[in-house]
Amino acid sequence: MEFAETYRQEVLRSRQDRARRALFWSRVLGLVLMLTVAAVLRAEPELRRALATAGTDAILAVAGRQASAGPGQPARGLRAGP
């Protein structure tokens, strides 16, 4: 086995190890972030309500309906068009 071949194999092994470590830590970080967001949303009902209202308004806008004017008012029907 020549030096160039050995070196190439070691470089590939090193890259695979780094990729595995990066995947592991990305999963750990994703789990921690998910738990943090869940804890914040559970502790802050006003934030949860604001996010729900914003999400509903965005869905209605995509569906072609006019978003509600306030949290207590229902959304209007489909817009009149040609």
C-alpha atoms as a PDB file:
ATOM      1  CA  MET A   1       0.000   0.000   0.000  1.00  0.00           C
ATOM      2  CA  GLU A   2       1.421   3.321  -1.038  1.00  0.00           C
ATOM      3  CA  PHE A   3       1.455   6.464   1.047  1.00  0.00           C
ATOM      4  CA  ALA A   4      -0.983   8.298  -1.263  1.00  0.00           C
ATOM      5  CA  GLU A   5      -3.571   5.526  -0.971  1.00  0.00           C
ATOM      6  CA  THR A   6      -3.191   5.332   2.818  1.00  0.00           C
ATOM      7  CA  TYR A   7      -3.477   9.103   3.095  1.00  0.00           C
ATOM      8  CA  ARG A   8      -6.617   9.135   0.916  1.00  0.00           C
ATOM      9  CA  GLN A   9      -8.243   6.458   3.066  1.00  0.00           C
ATOM     10  CA  GLU A  10      -7.401   8.324   6.278  1.00  0.00           C
ATOM     11  CA  VAL A  11      -8.834  11.552   4.863  1.00  0.00           C
ATOM     12  CA  LEU A  12     -12.073   9.760   3.938  1.00  0.00           C
ATOM     13  CA  ARG A  13     -12.296   8.152   7.375  1.00  0.00           C
ATOM     14  CA  SER A  14     -11.709  11.513   9.046  1.00  0.00           C
ATOM     15  CA  ARG A  15     -14.461  13.136   6.955  1.00  0.00           C
ATOM     16  CA  GLN A  16     -16.880  10.335   7.804  1.00  0.00           C
ATOM     17  CA  ASP A  17     -16.115  10.713  11.515  1.00  0.00           C
ATOM     18  CA  ARG A  18     -16.687  14.464  11.357  1.00  0.00           C
ATOM     19  CA  ALA A  19     -19.946  13.943   9.459  1.00  0.00           C
ATOM     20  CA  ARG A  20     -21.160  11.470  12.098  1.00  0.00           C
ATOM     21  CA  ARG A  21     -20.240  13.856  14.921  1.00  0.00           C
ATOM     22  CA  ALA A  22     -21.948  16.765  13.165  1.00  0.00           C
ATOM     23  CA  LEU A  23     -25.114  14.705  12.665  1.00  0.00           C
ATOM     24  CA  PHE A  24     -25.132  13.651  16.323  1.00  0.00           C
ATOM     25  CA  TRP A  25     -24.698  17.201  17.616  1.00  0.00           C
ATOM     26  CA  SER A  26     -27.283  18.583  15.182  1.00  0.00           C
ATOM     27  CA  ARG A  27     -29.821  16.108  16.561  1.00  0.00           C
ATOM     28  CA  VAL A  28     -28.926  17.013  20.153  1.00  0.00           C
ATOM     29  CA  LEU A  29     -29.201  20.726  19.375  1.00  0.00           C
ATOM     30  CA  GLY A  30     -32.531  20.236  17.579  1.00  0.00           C
ATOM     31  CA  LEU A  31     -33.938  18.373  20.571  1.00  0.00           C
ATOM     32  CA  VAL A  32     -32.761  21.068  22.998  1.00  0.00           C
ATOM     33  CA  LEU A  33     -34.253  23.830  20.838  1.00  0.00           C
ATOM     34  CA  MET A  34     -37.547  21.951  20.522  1.00  0.00           C
ATOM     35  CA  LEU A  35     -37.759  21.516  24.292  1.00  0.00           C
ATOM     36  CA  THR A  36     -36.913  25.189  24.832  1.00  0.00           C
ATOM     37  CA  VAL A  37     -39.613  26.381  22.428  1.00  0.00           C
ATOM     38  CA  ALA A  38     -42.154  24.022  24.027  1.00  0.00           C
ATOM     39  CA  ALA A  39     -41.292  25.309  27.512  1.00  0.00           C
ATOM     40  CA  VAL A  40     -41.556  28.954  26.428  1.00  0.00           C
ATOM     41  CA  LEU A  41     -44.890  28.402  24.687  1.00  0.00           C
ATOM     42  CA  ARG A  42     -46.233  26.548  27.710  1.00  0.00           C
ATOM     43  CA  ALA A  43     -45.138  29.329  30.084  1.00  0.00           C
ATOM     44  CA  GLU A  44     -46.358  32.241  27.927  1.00  0.00           C
ATOM     45  CA  PRO A  45     -50.048  31.899  26.998  1.00  0.00           C
ATOM     46  CA  GLU A  46     -50.126  35.366  25.399  1.00  0.00           C
ATOM     47  CA  LEU A  47     -47.297  34.429  23.034  1.00  0.00           C
ATOM     48  CA  ARG A  48     -49.055  31.158  22.216  1.00  0.00           C
ATOM     49  CA  ARG A  49     -52.286  33.044  21.461  1.00  0.00           C
ATOM     50  CA  ALA A  50     -50.468  35.607  19.296  1.00  0.00           C
ATOM     51  CA  LEU A  51     -48.753  32.846  17.312  1.00  0.00           C
ATOM     52  CA  ALA A  52     -52.041  31.017  16.820  1.00  0.00           C
ATOM     53  CA  THR A  53     -53.728  34.207  15.600  1.00  0.00           C
ATOM     54  CA  ALA A  54     -50.850  34.981  13.229  1.00  0.00           C
ATOM     55  CA  GLY A  55     -50.915  31.424  11.884  1.00  0.00           C
ATOM     56  CA  THR A  56     -54.665  31.537  11.323  1.00  0.00           C
ATOM     57  CA  ASP A  57     -54.388  34.892   9.548  1.00  0.00           C
ATOM     58  CA  ALA A  58     -51.598  33.537   7.323  1.00  0.00           C
ATOM     59  CA  ILE A  59     -53.648  30.454   6.399  1.00  0.00           C
ATOM     60  CA  LEU A  60     -56.667  32.600   5.585  1.00  0.00           C
ATOM     61  CA  ALA A  61     -54.515  34.912   3.462  1.00  0.00           C
ATOM     62  CA  VAL A  62     -53.143  31.958   1.499  1.00  0.00           C
ATOM     63  CA  ALA A  63     -56.660  30.565   1.085  1.00  0.00           C
ATOM     64  CA  GLY A  64     -57.749  33.887  -0.426  1.00  0.00           C
ATOM     65  CA  ARG A  65     -59.789  35.163   2.478  1.00  0.00           C
ATOM     66  CA  GLN A  66     -59.426  38.390   4.360  1.00  0.00           C
ATOM     67  CA  ALA A  67     -57.782  38.048   7.781  1.00  0.00           C
ATOM     68  CA  SER A  68     -59.682  39.044  10.896  1.00  0.00           C
ATOM     69  CA  ALA A  69     -59.335  42.592  12.205  1.00  0.00           C
ATOM     70  CA  GLY A  70     -58.825  41.470  15.786  1.00  0.00           C
ATOM     71  CA  PRO A  71     -58.597  38.374  17.937  1.00  0.00           C
ATOM     72  CA  GLY A  72     -62.282  38.497  18.878  1.00  0.00           C
ATOM     73  CA  GLN A  73     -63.720  39.141  15.400  1.00  0.00           C
ATOM     74  CA  PRO A  74     -64.377  36.341  12.895  1.00  0.00           C
ATOM     75  CA  ALA A  75     -62.743  36.360   9.486  1.00  0.00           C
ATOM     76  CA  ARG A  76     -64.769  37.588   6.545  1.00  0.00           C
ATOM     77  CA  GLY A  77     -65.795  35.348   3.640  1.00  0.00           C
ATOM     78  CA  LEU A  78     -64.174  34.990   0.261  1.00  0.00           C
ATOM     79  CA  ARG A  79     -63.388  38.154  -1.585  1.00  0.00           C
ATOM     80  CA  ALA A  80     -65.705  39.030  -4.451  1.00  0.00           C
ATOM     81  CA  GLY A  81     -63.936  38.759  -7.735  1.00  0.00           C
ATOM     82  CA  PRO A  82     -64.486  38.242 -11.446  1.00  0.00           C
END
